[in-house]
Amino acid sequence: MKNIVLLTGSSHPKLAQRISETLGVELSECKLGKFSNQETSVEIKSSVREKHVYIIQSGCGRVNDNLIELFILVQACRMGSAKRITVVTPLFPYSRQSEKSQKKRLPQHQIGSEIMNSLTQNSETSPSMPQGAFAQSFMGMSLGEGGYREWCARSGTLVANLLQAAGTDHLIAMDLHDPQYQGFFQIPVDLIYAEPCINQWIRSEIPNWRQAVVVSPDAGGAKRATSICNKLNLDFALIHKEDVGNTKESMGLVGEVNGRPAIILDDMIDSGSTIGLASEILKRHGASEIYAIAVHGVFSGPALEIINKSPVTVVACTNTVPQEEFRKQCPKLRTIDIAPMLGEIIRRTFYGESVTQLFVHDEQI
């Protein structure tokens, strides 16, 4: 591959190295650091003139520092007369901060000991009713102070505008939390999916996967879960909120999981609260084994502790976010490598081949 330059930021150099090995193209040397006043320093050591530059930077770790670093990398390539600049963001930064998704997010102070207490309580009540203060908060029964906000800044839209203003010509992003983000750009956006990698992991790592039930932890993820069900010919179940009285709600399960493995499928594990509560409900409904699969494993706050205490057997996440440190703290974690797929997508966009064809196939097993 001639006239291609691969650059990586500070967020996930190991993933960038794996992509480099897949493509057979060496990462170009780039000096990244901080000045004494903590301003970001970027120095590209090789020429990018009239070349197609791919910058790999994920929205994880020190997100704000990495985001500024990405803007400066793009600007440096633009000033260096790069022919075309493509930003590859396995996890798009600020992808949960559209106005719509912001209003759904719970205050962080409600996460912690309350969800862990909810997971360890023994209750004689209905299996569809998780117990504990956090569970009640999750179901909208007692939000307390600092609850849902009526107005939220659209930070994700700002990030999209800044990427374009810096000089980005093309964006590659994986499994956006809100697909609406694609419409915020006036440049080409390739929205790709980890589904083929997840399907392969299910077939190779879950012994009795043919008897499994794929569970969406909320209505918003139903489309993602049903897509995998159709490819693998599996049954589908849904955890949803249902009205109990005039003012109360409970979390109910639609579908049958008794005596069968359950696979919880979500796009992101952040605080771990959704996975913790969903696994508790599935256990009370008789699931024999509980697997959780997510595209982005962020694991903020007490997420790993919640997972360790939950009934989940295995949690699998792709390496859009570095997983090495998380795996040391949680023996249940497994990693799904998406570097080969990202490498193939970069190759296809470089040669002008179709990206969609990677995801348009029928895998009836």
Protein backbone atom coordinates (compact mmCIF):
# COMPACT_ATOMS: atom_id res chain seq x y z
CA MET A 1 0.00 0.00 0.00
CA LYS A 2 1.71 3.16 -1.24
CA ASN A 3 1.01 6.73 -0.20
CA ILE A 4 -0.69 5.72 3.03
CA VAL A 5 0.28 6.99 6.48
CA LEU A 6 -0.91 5.46 9.75
CA LEU A 7 -0.78 7.66 12.85
CA THR A 8 -1.92 6.89 16.36
CA GLY A 9 -2.75 9.11 19.28
CA SER A 10 -2.17 8.32 22.95
CA SER A 11 -5.52 6.66 23.67
CA HIS A 12 -4.96 3.14 22.34
CA PRO A 13 -1.51 2.50 20.78
CA LYS A 14 -1.82 -1.30 21.10
CA LEU A 15 -4.90 -1.39 18.90
CA ALA A 16 -3.16 0.84 16.36
CA GLN A 17 -0.17 -1.53 16.35
CA ARG A 18 -2.46 -4.52 15.75
CA ILE A 19 -4.12 -2.69 12.83
CA SER A 20 -0.67 -1.86 11.46
CA GLU A 21 0.33 -5.52 11.56
CA THR A 22 -2.92 -6.55 9.84
CA LEU A 23 -2.32 -4.07 7.00
CA GLY A 24 1.42 -4.69 6.72
CA VAL A 25 2.00 -0.93 7.02
CA GLU A 26 4.25 0.50 9.72
CA LEU A 27 2.98 3.20 12.06
CA SER A 28 4.57 6.54 11.21
CA GLU A 29 6.64 8.05 13.99
CA CYS A 30 4.85 10.74 15.90
CA LYS A 31 6.05 12.46 19.07
CA LEU A 32 3.21 13.14 21.49
CA GLY A 33 3.54 14.85 24.84
CA LYS A 34 2.87 17.86 27.01
CA PHE A 35 4.62 21.18 27.39
CA SER A 36 5.48 22.36 30.90
CA ASN A 37 2.19 24.26 31.10
CA GLN A 38 0.29 21.05 30.19
CA GLU A 39 -0.58 22.14 26.65
CA THR A 40 -0.57 19.27 24.15
CA SER A 41 2.50 18.82 21.98
CA VAL A 42 2.34 16.97 18.63
CA GLU A 43 5.25 16.44 16.22
CA ILE A 44 4.92 14.22 13.13
CA LYS A 45 8.36 12.92 12.14
CA SER A 46 7.63 11.83 8.54
CA SER A 47 6.21 13.63 5.51
CA VAL A 48 2.47 13.38 4.83
CA ARG A 49 2.46 15.50 1.66
CA GLU A 50 -0.01 14.16 -0.92
CA LYS A 51 -0.65 11.03 1.14
CA HIS A 52 -3.80 9.48 2.57
CA VAL A 53 -3.47 9.76 6.36
CA TYR A 54 -5.38 7.55 8.81
CA ILE A 55 -5.39 8.78 12.42
CA ILE A 56 -6.45 6.19 15.01
CA GLN A 57 -7.74 7.65 18.25
CA SER A 58 -10.39 6.17 20.55
CA GLY A 59 -12.57 8.18 22.95
CA CYS A 60 -11.32 6.55 26.15
CA GLY A 61 -8.90 7.18 29.01
CA ARG A 62 -8.17 10.89 29.39
CA VAL A 63 -10.91 11.72 26.92
CA ASN A 64 -10.51 15.49 26.81
CA ASP A 65 -6.72 15.40 26.44
CA ASN A 66 -7.00 12.73 23.74
CA LEU A 67 -9.65 14.74 21.91
CA ILE A 68 -7.49 17.89 21.79
CA GLU A 69 -4.57 15.72 20.69
CA LEU A 70 -6.71 14.37 17.84
CA PHE A 71 -7.67 17.88 16.69
CA ILE A 72 -4.01 18.93 16.65
CA LEU A 73 -2.98 15.76 14.78
CA VAL A 74 -5.60 16.46 12.10
CA GLN A 75 -4.53 20.10 11.84
CA ALA A 76 -0.86 19.14 11.62
CA CYS A 77 -1.61 16.77 8.72
CA ARG A 78 -3.71 19.43 7.00
CA MET A 79 -0.87 21.95 7.31
CA GLY A 80 1.52 19.26 6.04
CA SER A 81 -0.46 19.08 2.76
CA ALA A 82 -1.97 15.65 3.29
CA LYS A 83 -4.14 14.63 0.33
CA ARG A 84 -6.89 13.12 2.50
CA ILE A 85 -7.33 12.74 6.27
CA THR A 86 -9.43 9.94 7.74
CA VAL A 87 -10.10 9.77 11.47
CA VAL A 88 -10.70 6.28 12.86
CA THR A 89 -12.51 6.41 16.21
CA PRO A 90 -13.38 2.90 17.45
CA LEU A 91 -15.20 4.63 20.34
CA PHE A 92 -16.43 8.02 19.24
CA PRO A 93 -15.80 10.61 22.00
CA TYR A 94 -18.85 12.25 23.60
CA SER A 95 -21.06 9.77 21.74
CA ARG A 96 -23.53 9.67 24.66
CA GLN A 97 -23.99 13.41 24.83
CA SER A 98 -26.73 14.15 22.39
CA GLU A 99 -29.63 15.96 24.03
CA LYS A 100 -31.81 12.85 23.78
CA SER A 101 -29.38 10.41 25.40
CA GLN A 102 -28.27 12.86 28.09
CA LYS A 103 -31.75 12.96 29.57
CA LYS A 104 -31.75 9.16 29.95
CA ARG A 105 -28.52 8.99 31.95
CA LEU A 106 -28.76 8.66 35.72
CA PRO A 107 -26.75 10.77 38.17
CA GLN A 108 -23.42 9.15 38.96
CA HIS A 109 -23.86 9.55 42.73
CA GLN A 110 -26.59 6.91 42.65
CA ILE A 111 -24.14 4.29 41.42
CA GLY A 112 -21.94 2.32 43.82
CA SER A 113 -22.83 0.55 47.01
CA GLU A 114 -26.56 0.68 46.27
CA ILE A 115 -26.36 -1.41 43.10
CA MET A 116 -24.05 -3.90 44.84
CA ASN A 117 -26.47 -4.17 47.74
CA SER A 118 -29.25 -4.74 45.21
CA LEU A 119 -27.30 -7.60 43.65
CA THR A 120 -26.65 -9.36 46.96
CA GLN A 121 -30.07 -8.98 48.61
CA ASN A 122 -32.21 -12.08 49.08
CA SER A 123 -35.83 -11.31 48.47
CA GLU A 124 -39.08 -13.29 48.55
CA THR A 125 -40.74 -10.95 46.08
CA SER A 126 -41.58 -11.47 42.42
CA PRO A 127 -38.61 -12.39 40.20
CA SER A 128 -39.35 -9.40 37.99
CA MET A 129 -38.74 -6.95 40.83
CA PRO A 130 -35.05 -6.13 41.59
CA GLN A 131 -34.63 -4.81 45.12
CA GLY A 132 -32.60 -1.98 46.60
CA ALA A 133 -32.50 1.78 46.35
CA PHE A 134 -30.57 1.80 43.10
CA ALA A 135 -33.01 -0.58 41.45
CA GLN A 136 -35.90 1.69 42.45
CA SER A 137 -34.02 4.69 41.09
CA PHE A 138 -33.26 2.82 37.87
CA MET A 139 -36.96 2.14 37.40
CA GLY A 140 -37.90 5.77 37.95
CA MET A 141 -39.50 5.24 41.37
CA SER A 142 -37.34 7.67 43.36
CA LEU A 143 -34.97 9.88 41.44
CA GLY A 144 -34.34 12.32 44.28
CA GLU A 145 -32.28 15.45 43.81
CA GLY A 146 -30.14 15.75 40.72
CA GLY A 147 -32.52 13.67 38.62
CA TYR A 148 -33.30 14.09 34.94
CA ARG A 149 -32.40 17.45 33.48
CA GLU A 150 -34.83 19.29 31.24
CA TRP A 151 -32.10 20.79 29.08
CA CYS A 152 -28.68 19.42 28.14
CA ALA A 153 -25.81 20.82 26.08
CA ARG A 154 -25.27 19.02 22.77
CA SER A 155 -21.58 18.36 23.32
CA GLY A 156 -21.47 15.59 20.71
CA THR A 157 -22.58 18.02 18.00
CA LEU A 158 -19.76 20.36 19.04
CA VAL A 159 -17.19 17.55 18.75
CA ALA A 160 -18.46 16.76 15.24
CA ASN A 161 -18.12 20.40 14.21
CA LEU A 162 -14.62 20.68 15.67
CA LEU A 163 -13.43 17.56 13.84
CA GLN A 164 -14.59 19.06 10.55
CA ALA A 165 -13.12 22.46 11.36
CA ALA A 166 -9.73 20.86 12.12
CA GLY A 167 -9.63 19.44 8.59
CA THR A 168 -11.06 15.90 8.74
CA ASP A 169 -12.16 14.59 5.32
CA HIS A 170 -13.64 11.25 6.38
CA LEU A 171 -14.68 9.54 9.62
CA ILE A 172 -14.82 5.86 10.53
CA ALA A 173 -16.70 5.11 13.78
CA MET A 174 -17.87 1.86 15.35
CA ASP A 175 -21.30 1.24 16.86
CA LEU A 176 -22.30 4.79 17.74
CA HIS A 177 -24.39 4.96 20.91
CA ASP A 178 -26.74 7.29 19.05
CA PRO A 179 -26.82 6.66 15.28
CA GLN A 180 -28.19 10.20 14.87
CA TYR A 181 -24.58 11.43 15.14
CA GLN A 182 -24.00 10.42 11.54
CA GLY A 183 -26.27 13.28 10.51
CA PHE A 184 -24.21 15.85 12.42
CA PHE A 185 -21.39 15.63 9.86
CA GLN A 186 -21.12 17.18 6.43
CA ILE A 187 -18.25 14.84 5.53
CA PRO A 188 -18.52 11.13 4.62
CA VAL A 189 -19.03 8.89 7.67
CA ASP A 190 -18.57 5.12 7.61
CA LEU A 191 -20.51 3.70 10.54
CA ILE A 192 -19.26 0.15 11.10
CA TYR A 193 -20.42 -2.62 13.41
CA ALA A 194 -18.73 -5.21 15.61
CA GLU A 195 -21.52 -7.70 14.90
CA PRO A 196 -19.45 -10.11 12.71
CA CYS A 197 -16.78 -10.33 15.45
CA ILE A 198 -19.43 -10.85 18.15
CA ASN A 199 -21.12 -13.60 16.13
CA GLN A 200 -17.81 -15.39 15.72
CA TRP A 201 -17.06 -15.10 19.44
CA ILE A 202 -20.46 -16.54 20.37
CA ARG A 203 -19.96 -19.54 18.08
CA SER A 204 -16.43 -20.26 19.31
CA GLU A 205 -16.58 -19.40 23.03
CA ILE A 206 -20.07 -20.37 24.23
CA PRO A 207 -20.26 -24.19 24.28
CA ASN A 208 -24.05 -24.58 23.98
CA TRP A 209 -24.76 -21.38 22.08
CA ARG A 210 -27.41 -23.01 19.87
CA GLN A 211 -29.72 -23.26 22.92
CA ALA A 212 -29.03 -19.69 24.06
CA VAL A 213 -31.42 -16.76 24.23
CA VAL A 214 -30.19 -13.29 23.22
CA VAL A 215 -31.46 -10.67 25.67
CA SER A 216 -31.68 -6.94 25.07
CA PRO A 217 -31.46 -5.06 28.43
CA ASP A 218 -33.69 -2.27 27.09
CA ALA A 219 -35.97 -1.48 24.18
CA GLY A 220 -33.33 0.73 22.54
CA GLY A 221 -31.00 -2.23 21.97
CA ALA A 222 -33.66 -4.55 20.56
CA LYS A 223 -32.68 -3.94 16.94
CA ARG A 224 -29.05 -4.87 17.64
CA ALA A 225 -30.04 -8.02 19.51
CA THR A 226 -32.58 -9.19 16.92
CA SER A 227 -30.00 -8.76 14.16
CA ILE A 228 -27.70 -11.24 15.90
CA CYS A 229 -30.67 -13.55 16.59
CA ASN A 230 -31.48 -13.62 12.89
CA LYS A 231 -27.87 -14.34 11.89
CA LEU A 232 -27.42 -17.16 14.42
CA ASN A 233 -31.03 -18.41 14.43
CA LEU A 234 -31.45 -17.85 18.19
CA ASP A 235 -34.44 -16.85 20.33
CA PHE A 236 -34.89 -13.31 21.58
CA ALA A 237 -35.93 -11.85 24.94
CA LEU A 238 -36.34 -8.29 26.17
CA ILE A 239 -36.10 -6.63 29.56
CA HIS A 240 -38.42 -3.65 29.73
CA LYS A 241 -40.21 -1.32 32.08
CA GLU A 242 -43.86 -2.08 32.73
CA ASP A 243 -46.49 -0.16 34.68
CA VAL A 244 -47.46 -1.62 38.05
CA GLY A 245 -49.71 1.15 39.33
CA ASN A 246 -50.50 4.75 38.66
CA THR A 247 -47.05 5.99 39.60
CA LYS A 248 -44.78 2.93 39.81
CA GLU A 249 -42.91 0.80 37.30
CA SER A 250 -41.18 -2.56 37.44
CA MET A 251 -38.67 -4.24 35.16
CA GLY A 252 -40.23 -7.18 33.36
CA LEU A 253 -38.84 -9.92 31.14
CA VAL A 254 -40.49 -10.73 27.82
CA GLY A 255 -39.36 -14.17 26.69
CA GLU A 256 -38.41 -17.52 28.21
CA VAL A 257 -34.91 -18.16 29.59
CA ASN A 258 -35.57 -20.89 32.17
CA GLY A 259 -32.92 -23.62 31.95
CA ARG A 260 -31.18 -21.97 28.98
CA PRO A 261 -28.03 -19.81 28.59
CA ALA A 262 -28.79 -16.10 28.32
CA ILE A 263 -26.64 -13.65 26.34
CA ILE A 264 -27.11 -10.01 27.34
CA LEU A 265 -26.18 -7.77 24.42
CA ASP A 266 -25.49 -4.05 24.78
CA ASP A 267 -23.46 -1.44 22.93
CA MET A 268 -21.59 -0.16 26.00
CA ILE A 269 -20.82 -1.10 29.59
CA ASP A 270 -20.08 2.09 31.51
CA SER A 271 -21.21 2.06 35.15
CA GLY A 272 -22.21 -1.62 34.97
CA SER A 273 -25.65 -0.93 36.45
CA THR A 274 -27.63 -2.18 33.45
CA ILE A 275 -25.71 -5.46 33.26
CA GLY A 276 -25.96 -5.95 37.04
CA LEU A 277 -29.74 -5.52 37.17
CA ALA A 278 -30.37 -7.47 33.96
CA SER A 279 -28.31 -10.44 35.17
CA GLU A 280 -30.19 -10.43 38.48
CA ILE A 281 -33.54 -10.62 36.68
CA LEU A 282 -32.33 -13.41 34.37
CA LYS A 283 -31.03 -15.45 37.29
CA ARG A 284 -34.39 -15.17 39.07
CA HIS A 285 -36.08 -16.35 35.90
CA GLY A 286 -33.95 -19.51 35.86
CA ALA A 287 -31.23 -18.83 33.27
CA SER A 288 -28.61 -21.59 33.48
CA GLU A 289 -25.68 -19.36 32.47
CA ILE A 290 -25.50 -15.62 31.89
CA TYR A 291 -23.12 -14.06 29.36
CA ALA A 292 -22.80 -10.33 28.74
CA ILE A 293 -21.40 -8.95 25.49
CA ALA A 294 -20.76 -5.28 24.76
CA VAL A 295 -18.98 -3.43 21.99
CA HIS A 296 -17.40 -0.78 24.22
CA GLY A 297 -16.14 -1.76 27.67
CA VAL A 298 -15.59 1.56 29.45
CA PHE A 299 -16.01 0.23 33.03
CA SER A 300 -16.13 3.50 34.94
CA GLY A 301 -16.66 3.87 38.68
CA PRO A 302 -17.56 0.64 40.49
CA ALA A 303 -18.45 -1.24 37.28
CA LEU A 304 -15.90 -4.03 37.73
CA GLU A 305 -16.91 -4.59 41.35
CA ILE A 306 -20.57 -4.78 40.30
CA ILE A 307 -19.72 -7.34 37.62
CA ASN A 308 -17.62 -9.43 40.03
CA LYS A 309 -20.58 -9.64 42.45
CA SER A 310 -23.21 -10.20 39.78
CA PRO A 311 -24.44 -13.61 38.55
CA VAL A 312 -22.81 -13.03 35.13
CA THR A 313 -20.58 -15.93 34.06
CA VAL A 314 -18.49 -14.14 31.42
CA VAL A 315 -18.36 -10.55 30.15
CA ALA A 316 -16.91 -10.06 26.66
CA CYS A 317 -16.03 -6.67 25.16
CA THR A 318 -14.18 -5.61 22.05
CA ASN A 319 -10.87 -3.82 22.35
CA THR A 320 -12.16 -0.42 21.19
CA VAL A 321 -11.04 0.54 24.73
CA PRO A 322 -7.84 -0.92 26.31
CA GLN A 323 -8.89 -3.94 28.40
CA GLU A 324 -5.60 -5.14 29.94
CA GLU A 325 -5.96 -3.34 33.27
CA PHE A 326 -9.64 -4.21 33.54
CA ARG A 327 -8.93 -7.91 33.05
CA LYS A 328 -6.50 -7.87 35.97
CA GLN A 329 -9.30 -6.66 38.25
CA CYS A 330 -12.09 -8.84 36.88
CA PRO A 331 -11.45 -12.51 35.97
CA LYS A 332 -14.80 -12.68 34.16
CA LEU A 333 -13.65 -10.36 31.36
CA ARG A 334 -12.82 -11.59 27.86
CA THR A 335 -11.65 -9.53 24.88
CA ILE A 336 -12.94 -9.67 21.30
CA ASP A 337 -10.27 -8.41 18.88
CA ILE A 338 -11.63 -6.01 16.26
CA ALA A 339 -8.22 -4.97 14.84
CA PRO A 340 -8.42 -7.32 11.78
CA MET A 341 -11.82 -5.90 10.84
CA LEU A 342 -10.66 -2.29 11.26
CA GLY A 343 -7.60 -3.09 9.16
CA GLU A 344 -9.78 -4.50 6.38
CA ILE A 345 -12.04 -1.45 6.50
CA ILE A 346 -9.04 0.87 6.20
CA ARG A 347 -7.79 -1.17 3.23
CA ARG A 348 -11.19 -1.00 1.52
CA THR A 349 -11.60 2.76 2.01
CA PHE A 350 -8.04 3.34 0.74
CA TYR A 351 -8.73 1.44 -2.48
CA GLY A 352 -12.28 2.74 -2.86
CA GLU A 353 -13.96 -0.63 -2.26
CA SER A 354 -17.32 -1.19 -0.59
CA VAL A 355 -17.39 -1.26 3.22
CA THR A 356 -21.05 -2.25 3.41
CA GLN A 357 -20.34 -5.64 1.83
CA LEU A 358 -18.54 -6.69 5.04
CA PHE A 359 -21.84 -6.52 6.90
CA VAL A 360 -24.32 -7.62 4.21
CA HIS A 361 -24.29 -11.39 4.47
CA ASP A 362 -26.48 -14.16 5.76
CA GLU A 363 -24.95 -16.47 8.36
CA GLN A 364 -27.74 -18.91 9.04
CA ILE A 365 -26.14 -21.69 11.13
